[in-house]
């Protein structure tokens, strides 16, 4: 559908098959190679800008960065959803990974991890394999941590009388600035 700047169309008939272009060198001052590099980095994830408001269902097959506002549902099961500092999401999210630096109101179901950064705010239930909440972050809701399909190494049990030795895990969290 879109032609990248790395492989420009040639109108000459001397070559019937396109030849691959070498990657631009770091010494190149060509503006076309700089533009091509910028296109590659921005094409790696979709971005919803500050002034955009989306109401409805967001689906796709690429990572998503939200700096605007979304209301509805986000379904990106194999990708990362990042809510930027200016982002505000009122939606249920189903993704591989969610990083929150802005505000999220809704339930989150991920196949890998949820990361709530210090300036982030989450109100809703979280279902994940891993959860990270930085100091200063806000979280209100329930957490359901599932076992990962990946095998992991059991830690050595030095003290059988230790309360956590029976397999029950206890998690303590604090919110606010220290």
N, C-alpha and C. Protein backbone atom coordinates (compact mmCIF):
# COMPACT_ATOMS: atom_id res chain seq x y z
N UNK A 1 0.82 -1.18 0.00
CA UNK A 1 0.00 0.00 0.00
C UNK A 1 0.87 1.25 0.00
N UNK A 2 1.79 1.40 0.94
CA UNK A 2 2.69 2.54 1.00
C UNK A 2 4.07 2.12 0.57
N UNK A 3 4.72 2.98 -0.12
CA UNK A 3 6.08 2.70 -0.55
C UNK A 3 7.04 3.41 0.40
N UNK A 4 8.00 2.67 0.95
CA UNK A 4 8.97 3.31 1.83
C UNK A 4 10.02 4.02 1.00
N UNK A 5 10.73 4.92 1.65
CA UNK A 5 11.76 5.68 0.95
C UNK A 5 13.01 4.86 0.72
N UNK A 6 13.10 3.67 1.36
CA UNK A 6 14.27 2.82 1.18
C UNK A 6 14.31 2.18 -0.20
N UNK A 7 13.16 1.92 -0.80
CA UNK A 7 13.12 1.26 -2.10
C UNK A 7 12.30 2.11 -3.07
N UNK A 8 12.89 3.15 -3.62
CA UNK A 8 12.15 4.00 -4.56
C UNK A 8 11.88 3.26 -5.86
N UNK A 9 10.75 3.60 -6.47
CA UNK A 9 10.41 2.99 -7.75
C UNK A 9 11.31 3.55 -8.84
N UNK A 10 11.81 2.68 -9.67
CA UNK A 10 12.69 3.10 -10.76
C UNK A 10 11.95 2.94 -12.08
N UNK A 11 12.01 3.98 -12.91
CA UNK A 11 11.31 3.91 -14.19
C UNK A 11 12.23 3.39 -15.29
N UNK A 12 13.51 3.15 -14.97
CA UNK A 12 14.41 2.65 -16.01
C UNK A 12 14.13 1.18 -16.28
N UNK A 13 14.35 0.77 -17.51
CA UNK A 13 14.09 -0.61 -17.89
C UNK A 13 15.34 -1.47 -17.84
N UNK A 14 16.46 -0.94 -17.30
CA UNK A 14 17.69 -1.71 -17.28
C UNK A 14 17.64 -2.84 -16.26
N UNK A 15 16.80 -2.75 -15.29
CA UNK A 15 16.71 -3.79 -14.27
C UNK A 15 15.25 -4.18 -14.09
N UNK A 16 14.95 -5.46 -14.30
CA UNK A 16 13.56 -5.89 -14.19
C UNK A 16 13.17 -6.21 -12.76
N UNK A 17 14.16 -6.53 -11.91
CA UNK A 17 13.85 -6.80 -10.50
C UNK A 17 14.50 -5.73 -9.64
N UNK A 18 13.79 -5.28 -8.60
CA UNK A 18 14.37 -4.25 -7.75
C UNK A 18 15.54 -4.80 -6.95
N UNK A 19 16.58 -4.01 -6.85
CA UNK A 19 17.74 -4.42 -6.06
C UNK A 19 17.62 -3.84 -4.67
N UNK A 20 17.98 -4.62 -3.64
CA UNK A 20 17.86 -4.11 -2.29
C UNK A 20 18.85 -2.97 -2.05
N UNK A 21 18.38 -1.97 -1.34
CA UNK A 21 19.21 -0.83 -1.01
C UNK A 21 19.93 -1.09 0.30
N UNK A 22 21.21 -0.75 0.40
CA UNK A 22 21.91 -0.93 1.68
C UNK A 22 21.39 0.05 2.71
N UNK A 23 21.51 -0.32 3.98
CA UNK A 23 21.07 0.57 5.06
C UNK A 23 21.90 1.84 5.03
N UNK A 24 21.26 2.98 5.33
CA UNK A 24 22.02 4.22 5.27
C UNK A 24 23.10 4.23 6.34
N UNK A 25 24.27 4.74 5.95
CA UNK A 25 25.38 4.78 6.90
C UNK A 25 25.21 5.95 7.83
N UNK A 26 25.88 5.90 8.98
CA UNK A 26 25.77 6.98 9.95
C UNK A 26 26.46 8.24 9.46
N UNK A 27 27.33 8.16 8.47
CA UNK A 27 28.04 9.31 7.94
C UNK A 27 27.24 10.02 6.87
N UNK A 28 26.18 9.42 6.39
CA UNK A 28 25.41 9.97 5.29
C UNK A 28 24.68 11.23 5.73
N UNK A 29 24.76 12.27 4.93
CA UNK A 29 24.07 13.51 5.25
C UNK A 29 22.84 13.67 4.36
N UNK A 30 22.48 12.63 3.66
CA UNK A 30 21.35 12.68 2.76
C UNK A 30 20.06 12.86 3.53
N UNK A 31 19.24 13.80 3.13
CA UNK A 31 17.99 14.05 3.83
C UNK A 31 16.99 12.92 3.61
N UNK A 32 17.07 12.22 2.47
CA UNK A 32 16.13 11.13 2.23
C UNK A 32 16.38 9.96 3.17
N UNK A 33 17.63 9.68 3.50
CA UNK A 33 17.91 8.59 4.43
C UNK A 33 17.48 8.97 5.84
N UNK A 34 17.59 10.25 6.20
CA UNK A 34 17.14 10.70 7.51
C UNK A 34 15.63 10.58 7.61
N UNK A 35 14.94 10.97 6.58
CA UNK A 35 13.48 10.85 6.56
C UNK A 35 13.07 9.39 6.63
N UNK A 36 13.78 8.52 5.92
CA UNK A 36 13.47 7.10 5.95
C UNK A 36 13.65 6.53 7.35
N UNK A 37 14.70 6.94 8.04
CA UNK A 37 14.92 6.46 9.41
C UNK A 37 13.81 6.94 10.33
N UNK A 38 13.36 8.17 10.16
CA UNK A 38 12.28 8.69 10.98
C UNK A 38 10.97 7.95 10.70
N UNK A 39 10.73 7.63 9.44
CA UNK A 39 9.51 6.89 9.10
C UNK A 39 9.52 5.50 9.72
N UNK A 40 10.68 4.85 9.74
CA UNK A 40 10.76 3.52 10.33
C UNK A 40 10.48 3.56 11.82
N UNK A 41 10.99 4.56 12.54
CA UNK A 41 10.79 4.60 13.98
C UNK A 41 9.35 4.97 14.33
N UNK A 42 8.71 5.84 13.57
CA UNK A 42 7.33 6.18 13.88
C UNK A 42 6.37 5.10 13.41
N UNK A 43 6.78 4.30 12.43
CA UNK A 43 5.90 3.25 11.93
C UNK A 43 5.87 2.05 12.87
N UNK A 44 6.75 2.03 13.87
CA UNK A 44 6.79 0.89 14.77
C UNK A 44 5.61 0.87 15.74
N UNK A 45 4.96 2.02 15.97
CA UNK A 45 3.79 2.04 16.84
C UNK A 45 2.83 3.13 16.37
N UNK A 46 1.55 2.89 16.59
CA UNK A 46 0.55 3.88 16.26
C UNK A 46 0.46 4.86 17.42
N UNK A 47 0.22 6.13 17.12
CA UNK A 47 0.15 7.16 18.15
C UNK A 47 -1.17 7.91 18.04
N UNK A 48 -1.82 8.07 19.18
CA UNK A 48 -3.01 8.90 19.26
C UNK A 48 -2.59 10.18 19.96
N UNK A 49 -2.55 11.26 19.22
CA UNK A 49 -2.03 12.53 19.71
C UNK A 49 -2.88 13.20 20.76
N UNK A 50 -2.31 14.25 21.35
CA UNK A 50 -2.94 14.97 22.45
C UNK A 50 -4.34 15.47 22.15
N UNK A 51 -4.56 15.97 20.97
CA UNK A 51 -5.84 16.59 20.64
C UNK A 51 -6.88 15.61 20.12
N UNK A 52 -6.52 14.32 20.00
CA UNK A 52 -7.46 13.35 19.45
C UNK A 52 -8.31 12.71 20.54
N UNK A 53 -9.60 12.52 20.23
CA UNK A 53 -10.55 11.84 21.11
C UNK A 53 -11.19 10.73 20.29
N UNK A 54 -11.10 9.50 20.80
CA UNK A 54 -11.69 8.36 20.11
C UNK A 54 -12.73 7.73 21.02
N UNK A 55 -13.93 7.53 20.49
CA UNK A 55 -15.00 6.87 21.22
C UNK A 55 -15.39 5.64 20.42
N UNK A 56 -15.25 4.46 21.06
CA UNK A 56 -15.59 3.23 20.37
C UNK A 56 -14.57 2.15 20.63
N UNK A 57 -14.38 1.27 19.65
CA UNK A 57 -13.48 0.14 19.79
C UNK A 57 -12.21 0.36 18.99
N UNK A 58 -11.06 0.14 19.64
CA UNK A 58 -9.76 0.26 18.96
C UNK A 58 -9.18 -1.14 18.87
N UNK A 59 -8.93 -1.62 17.65
CA UNK A 59 -8.31 -2.92 17.43
C UNK A 59 -7.18 -2.74 16.43
N UNK A 60 -6.26 -3.69 16.42
CA UNK A 60 -5.17 -3.61 15.47
C UNK A 60 -4.11 -4.64 15.75
N UNK A 61 -2.99 -4.53 15.03
CA UNK A 61 -1.92 -5.50 15.17
C UNK A 61 -0.57 -4.80 15.28
N UNK A 62 -0.55 -3.64 15.94
CA UNK A 62 0.69 -2.94 16.19
C UNK A 62 0.60 -2.25 17.55
N UNK A 63 1.74 -1.93 18.15
CA UNK A 63 1.72 -1.25 19.45
C UNK A 63 1.02 0.11 19.35
N UNK A 64 0.47 0.57 20.46
CA UNK A 64 -0.30 1.81 20.48
C UNK A 64 0.21 2.70 21.60
N UNK A 65 0.44 3.98 21.28
CA UNK A 65 0.80 4.99 22.26
C UNK A 65 -0.32 6.01 22.30
N UNK A 66 -0.90 6.22 23.48
CA UNK A 66 -2.05 7.11 23.64
C UNK A 66 -1.62 8.34 24.41
N UNK A 67 -1.68 9.49 23.77
CA UNK A 67 -1.43 10.76 24.44
C UNK A 67 -2.69 11.60 24.44
N UNK A 68 -3.74 11.10 23.82
CA UNK A 68 -5.02 11.77 23.76
C UNK A 68 -6.02 11.09 24.68
N UNK A 69 -7.26 10.96 24.20
CA UNK A 69 -8.31 10.38 25.02
C UNK A 69 -9.04 9.28 24.25
N UNK A 70 -9.28 8.14 24.94
CA UNK A 70 -10.03 7.03 24.35
C UNK A 70 -11.13 6.63 25.32
N UNK A 71 -12.32 6.42 24.78
CA UNK A 71 -13.45 5.91 25.55
C UNK A 71 -14.01 4.72 24.80
N UNK A 72 -14.12 3.57 25.47
CA UNK A 72 -14.66 2.38 24.81
C UNK A 72 -13.87 1.15 25.17
N UNK A 73 -13.33 0.45 24.16
CA UNK A 73 -12.51 -0.74 24.39
C UNK A 73 -11.27 -0.69 23.51
N UNK A 74 -10.19 -1.27 24.03
CA UNK A 74 -8.95 -1.40 23.28
C UNK A 74 -8.60 -2.87 23.25
N UNK A 75 -8.48 -3.44 22.05
CA UNK A 75 -8.19 -4.87 21.90
C UNK A 75 -6.98 -5.04 20.99
N UNK A 76 -5.79 -5.14 21.63
CA UNK A 76 -4.54 -5.35 20.91
C UNK A 76 -3.82 -6.52 21.58
N UNK A 77 -4.35 -7.72 21.41
CA UNK A 77 -3.94 -8.88 22.20
C UNK A 77 -2.46 -9.24 22.10
N UNK A 78 -1.80 -8.96 20.99
CA UNK A 78 -0.40 -9.34 20.83
C UNK A 78 0.55 -8.16 20.92
N UNK A 79 0.09 -7.02 21.43
CA UNK A 79 0.90 -5.81 21.41
C UNK A 79 0.84 -5.04 22.71
N UNK A 80 1.68 -4.01 22.78
CA UNK A 80 1.77 -3.15 23.94
C UNK A 80 0.87 -1.93 23.77
N UNK A 81 0.22 -1.53 24.85
CA UNK A 81 -0.53 -0.29 24.90
C UNK A 81 0.17 0.59 25.93
N UNK A 82 0.59 1.78 25.51
CA UNK A 82 1.23 2.73 26.41
C UNK A 82 0.35 3.96 26.52
N UNK A 83 0.01 4.32 27.75
CA UNK A 83 -0.78 5.52 27.99
C UNK A 83 0.20 6.59 28.46
N UNK A 84 0.42 7.59 27.64
CA UNK A 84 1.38 8.65 27.93
C UNK A 84 0.93 9.56 29.05
N UNK A 85 1.80 10.48 29.45
CA UNK A 85 1.53 11.39 30.57
C UNK A 85 0.28 12.23 30.34
N UNK A 86 0.00 12.57 29.10
CA UNK A 86 -1.18 13.38 28.78
C UNK A 86 -2.38 12.50 28.42
N UNK A 87 -2.20 11.19 28.38
CA UNK A 87 -3.25 10.28 27.96
C UNK A 87 -4.30 10.07 29.03
N UNK A 88 -5.53 9.92 28.59
CA UNK A 88 -6.66 9.63 29.47
C UNK A 88 -7.52 8.57 28.79
N UNK A 89 -7.60 7.39 29.41
CA UNK A 89 -8.31 6.27 28.79
C UNK A 89 -9.40 5.80 29.74
N UNK A 90 -10.63 5.78 29.24
CA UNK A 90 -11.77 5.20 29.94
C UNK A 90 -12.22 4.02 29.10
N UNK A 91 -11.54 2.89 29.28
CA UNK A 91 -11.79 1.74 28.42
C UNK A 91 -11.31 0.47 29.08
N UNK A 92 -11.90 -0.64 28.70
CA UNK A 92 -11.37 -1.95 29.06
C UNK A 92 -10.29 -2.28 28.03
N UNK A 93 -9.14 -2.76 28.53
CA UNK A 93 -8.00 -3.03 27.65
C UNK A 93 -7.67 -4.51 27.67
N UNK A 94 -7.48 -5.09 26.50
CA UNK A 94 -7.01 -6.46 26.34
C UNK A 94 -5.77 -6.38 25.44
N UNK A 95 -4.59 -6.67 26.05
CA UNK A 95 -3.33 -6.53 25.31
C UNK A 95 -2.30 -7.49 25.86
N UNK A 96 -1.12 -7.49 25.24
CA UNK A 96 -0.01 -8.29 25.76
C UNK A 96 0.65 -7.58 26.93
N UNK A 97 0.76 -6.26 26.85
CA UNK A 97 1.45 -5.47 27.86
C UNK A 97 0.83 -4.08 27.91
N UNK A 98 0.70 -3.52 29.13
CA UNK A 98 0.15 -2.18 29.29
C UNK A 98 1.09 -1.39 30.19
N UNK A 99 1.46 -0.19 29.73
CA UNK A 99 2.28 0.74 30.52
C UNK A 99 1.44 1.99 30.72
N UNK A 100 1.29 2.41 32.00
CA UNK A 100 0.43 3.55 32.31
C UNK A 100 1.27 4.67 32.91
N UNK A 101 1.31 5.80 32.21
CA UNK A 101 1.95 7.01 32.73
C UNK A 101 0.92 8.12 32.90
N UNK A 102 -0.28 7.91 32.36
CA UNK A 102 -1.36 8.87 32.46
C UNK A 102 -2.48 8.30 33.31
N UNK A 103 -3.72 8.50 32.86
CA UNK A 103 -4.89 8.04 33.63
C UNK A 103 -5.62 6.94 32.87
N UNK A 104 -5.92 5.86 33.60
CA UNK A 104 -6.66 4.74 33.03
C UNK A 104 -7.80 4.40 33.97
N UNK A 105 -8.99 4.37 33.42
CA UNK A 105 -10.16 3.95 34.17
C UNK A 105 -10.82 2.82 33.38
N UNK A 106 -10.70 1.59 33.91
CA UNK A 106 -11.26 0.44 33.21
C UNK A 106 -10.49 -0.81 33.59
N UNK A 107 -11.03 -1.94 33.21
CA UNK A 107 -10.41 -3.23 33.52
C UNK A 107 -9.32 -3.55 32.50
N UNK A 108 -8.25 -4.17 32.99
CA UNK A 108 -7.10 -4.48 32.15
C UNK A 108 -6.85 -5.98 32.20
N UNK A 109 -6.79 -6.62 31.04
CA UNK A 109 -6.44 -8.03 30.94
C UNK A 109 -5.26 -8.14 29.99
N UNK A 110 -4.13 -8.64 30.51
CA UNK A 110 -2.93 -8.74 29.67
C UNK A 110 -2.35 -10.15 29.76
N UNK A 111 -1.62 -10.54 28.72
CA UNK A 111 -0.98 -11.85 28.72
C UNK A 111 0.42 -11.80 29.30
N UNK A 112 0.96 -10.60 29.53
CA UNK A 112 2.30 -10.50 30.10
C UNK A 112 2.30 -9.62 31.35
N UNK A 113 2.45 -8.30 31.20
CA UNK A 113 2.61 -7.47 32.39
C UNK A 113 1.89 -6.13 32.30
N UNK A 114 1.62 -5.57 33.48
CA UNK A 114 1.09 -4.22 33.61
C UNK A 114 2.12 -3.43 34.40
N UNK A 115 2.46 -2.25 33.89
CA UNK A 115 3.46 -1.39 34.52
C UNK A 115 2.81 -0.04 34.78
N UNK A 116 2.61 0.31 36.07
CA UNK A 116 2.03 1.60 36.43
C UNK A 116 3.18 2.47 36.93
N UNK A 117 3.50 3.50 36.17
CA UNK A 117 4.62 4.36 36.50
C UNK A 117 4.23 5.37 37.59
N UNK A 118 5.21 6.07 38.12
CA UNK A 118 5.02 6.96 39.26
C UNK A 118 3.93 8.01 39.02
N UNK A 119 3.82 8.51 37.81
CA UNK A 119 2.82 9.53 37.51
C UNK A 119 1.51 8.92 36.99
N UNK A 120 1.41 7.60 36.97
CA UNK A 120 0.24 6.90 36.43
C UNK A 120 -0.86 6.69 37.45
N UNK A 121 -2.06 6.49 36.93
CA UNK A 121 -3.24 6.28 37.76
C UNK A 121 -4.12 5.23 37.10
N UNK A 122 -4.45 4.17 37.85
CA UNK A 122 -5.30 3.11 37.33
C UNK A 122 -6.45 2.88 38.30
N UNK A 123 -7.67 2.93 37.79
CA UNK A 123 -8.86 2.60 38.56
C UNK A 123 -9.57 1.49 37.80
N UNK A 124 -9.49 0.27 38.33
CA UNK A 124 -10.11 -0.87 37.68
C UNK A 124 -9.40 -2.15 38.06
N UNK A 125 -9.92 -3.25 37.59
CA UNK A 125 -9.37 -4.57 37.91
C UNK A 125 -8.28 -4.95 36.92
N UNK A 126 -7.24 -5.62 37.43
CA UNK A 126 -6.11 -6.02 36.61
C UNK A 126 -5.96 -7.53 36.65
N UNK A 127 -5.87 -8.15 35.47
CA UNK A 127 -5.56 -9.58 35.33
C UNK A 127 -4.29 -9.65 34.50
N UNK A 128 -3.20 -10.20 35.11
CA UNK A 128 -1.91 -10.21 34.44
C UNK A 128 -1.04 -11.32 35.00
N UNK A 129 0.08 -11.55 34.34
CA UNK A 129 1.10 -12.47 34.86
C UNK A 129 2.05 -11.73 35.78
N UNK A 130 2.35 -10.46 35.44
CA UNK A 130 3.24 -9.64 36.25
C UNK A 130 2.65 -8.25 36.41
N UNK A 131 2.92 -7.63 37.57
CA UNK A 131 2.41 -6.30 37.86
C UNK A 131 3.51 -5.49 38.52
N UNK A 132 3.72 -4.28 38.04
CA UNK A 132 4.72 -3.37 38.60
C UNK A 132 4.03 -2.05 38.90
N UNK A 133 4.14 -1.60 40.16
CA UNK A 133 3.56 -0.32 40.57
C UNK A 133 4.67 0.50 41.21
N UNK A 134 5.05 1.62 40.59
CA UNK A 134 6.11 2.46 41.13
C UNK A 134 5.58 3.30 42.29
N UNK A 135 6.52 3.75 43.14
CA UNK A 135 6.16 4.66 44.23
C UNK A 135 5.55 5.92 43.65
N UNK A 136 4.46 6.37 44.25
CA UNK A 136 3.78 7.57 43.78
C UNK A 136 2.64 7.28 42.82
N UNK A 137 2.54 6.07 42.32
CA UNK A 137 1.45 5.72 41.40
C UNK A 137 0.16 5.52 42.19
N UNK A 138 -0.98 5.67 41.51
CA UNK A 138 -2.28 5.45 42.13
C UNK A 138 -2.90 4.21 41.52
N UNK A 139 -3.39 3.32 42.37
CA UNK A 139 -4.09 2.13 41.91
C UNK A 139 -5.26 1.85 42.82
N UNK A 140 -6.43 1.66 42.23
CA UNK A 140 -7.62 1.28 42.99
C UNK A 140 -8.34 0.21 42.19
N UNK A 141 -8.39 -0.99 42.76
CA UNK A 141 -9.04 -2.09 42.07
C UNK A 141 -8.52 -3.41 42.60
N UNK A 142 -8.88 -4.48 41.92
CA UNK A 142 -8.42 -5.80 42.33
C UNK A 142 -7.34 -6.29 41.39
N UNK A 143 -6.53 -7.22 41.90
CA UNK A 143 -5.44 -7.78 41.11
C UNK A 143 -5.59 -9.29 41.07
N UNK A 144 -5.50 -9.86 39.88
CA UNK A 144 -5.52 -11.31 39.69
C UNK A 144 -4.25 -11.66 38.93
N UNK A 145 -3.24 -12.18 39.65
CA UNK A 145 -1.99 -12.56 39.01
C UNK A 145 -2.06 -14.03 38.64
N UNK A 146 -1.93 -14.30 37.36
CA UNK A 146 -2.00 -15.66 36.84
C UNK A 146 -0.60 -16.23 36.70
N UNK A 147 -0.51 -17.54 36.75
CA UNK A 147 0.78 -18.18 36.53
C UNK A 147 1.13 -18.09 35.06
N UNK A 148 2.40 -17.86 34.80
CA UNK A 148 2.88 -17.77 33.43
C UNK A 148 3.02 -19.16 32.84
N UNK A 149 2.88 -19.26 31.53
CA UNK A 149 3.08 -20.52 30.83
C UNK A 149 4.56 -20.89 30.77
N UNK A 150 5.43 -19.88 30.97
CA UNK A 150 6.86 -20.11 30.91
C UNK A 150 7.32 -20.79 32.20
N UNK A 151 8.19 -21.79 32.10
CA UNK A 151 8.70 -22.42 33.32
C UNK A 151 9.62 -21.46 34.05
N UNK A 152 9.60 -21.53 35.37
CA UNK A 152 10.48 -20.69 36.16
C UNK A 152 11.19 -21.53 37.21
N UNK A 153 12.28 -21.02 37.72
CA UNK A 153 13.08 -21.74 38.70
C UNK A 153 12.55 -21.42 40.09
N UNK A 154 12.26 -22.47 40.85
CA UNK A 154 11.78 -22.30 42.22
C UNK A 154 12.91 -21.81 43.11
N UNK A 155 12.65 -20.81 43.96
CA UNK A 155 13.69 -20.38 44.89
C UNK A 155 13.90 -21.45 45.96
N UNK A 156 15.13 -21.48 46.50
CA UNK A 156 15.44 -22.44 47.55
C UNK A 156 14.66 -22.08 48.81
N UNK A 157 14.12 -23.10 49.46
CA UNK A 157 13.38 -22.89 50.70
C UNK A 157 14.31 -23.22 51.86
N UNK A 158 14.84 -22.17 52.48
CA UNK A 158 15.77 -22.36 53.59
C UNK A 158 15.06 -22.63 54.90
N UNK A 159 13.89 -22.04 55.07
CA UNK A 159 13.18 -22.16 56.33
C UNK A 159 11.77 -22.66 56.05
N UNK A 160 11.48 -23.87 56.42
CA UNK A 160 10.16 -24.45 56.15
C UNK A 160 9.08 -23.82 57.01
N UNK A 161 9.44 -23.17 58.09
CA UNK A 161 8.45 -22.53 58.97
C UNK A 161 8.14 -21.11 58.54
N UNK A 162 8.80 -20.60 57.52
CA UNK A 162 8.55 -19.24 57.05
C UNK A 162 7.15 -19.16 56.49
N UNK A 163 6.39 -18.08 56.78
CA UNK A 163 4.98 -17.98 56.33
C UNK A 163 4.80 -18.08 54.82
N UNK A 164 5.78 -17.64 54.04
CA UNK A 164 5.64 -17.69 52.59
C UNK A 164 6.10 -19.02 52.02
N UNK A 165 6.60 -19.91 52.84
CA UNK A 165 7.13 -21.17 52.35
C UNK A 165 6.05 -22.13 51.89
N UNK A 166 4.81 -21.91 52.29
CA UNK A 166 3.74 -22.83 51.90
C UNK A 166 3.17 -22.51 50.52
N UNK A 167 3.73 -21.52 49.83
CA UNK A 167 3.29 -21.23 48.47
C UNK A 167 2.35 -20.05 48.39
N UNK A 168 1.78 -19.59 49.50
CA UNK A 168 0.92 -18.42 49.49
C UNK A 168 1.79 -17.18 49.43
N UNK A 169 1.44 -16.27 48.55
CA UNK A 169 2.21 -15.05 48.41
C UNK A 169 1.43 -13.90 49.00
N UNK A 170 2.12 -13.04 49.69
CA UNK A 170 1.50 -11.86 50.25
C UNK A 170 2.16 -10.65 49.62
N UNK A 171 1.34 -9.68 49.20
CA UNK A 171 1.87 -8.50 48.57
C UNK A 171 1.44 -7.28 49.34
N UNK A 172 2.37 -6.42 49.67
CA UNK A 172 2.07 -5.18 50.34
C UNK A 172 2.40 -4.04 49.39
N UNK A 173 1.54 -3.04 49.35
CA UNK A 173 1.77 -1.90 48.47
C UNK A 173 1.48 -0.64 49.23
N UNK A 174 2.17 0.41 48.86
CA UNK A 174 1.90 1.71 49.47
C UNK A 174 1.81 2.72 48.35
N UNK A 175 1.02 3.74 48.56
CA UNK A 175 0.84 4.77 47.56
C UNK A 175 1.25 6.09 48.17
N UNK A 176 1.67 7.00 47.34
CA UNK A 176 2.04 8.32 47.82
C UNK A 176 3.53 8.51 47.74
N UNK A 177 3.92 9.74 48.01
CA UNK A 177 5.34 10.10 47.96
C UNK A 177 5.98 9.80 49.30
N UNK A 178 7.20 9.30 49.28
CA UNK A 178 7.93 9.01 50.52
C UNK A 178 8.70 10.21 50.99
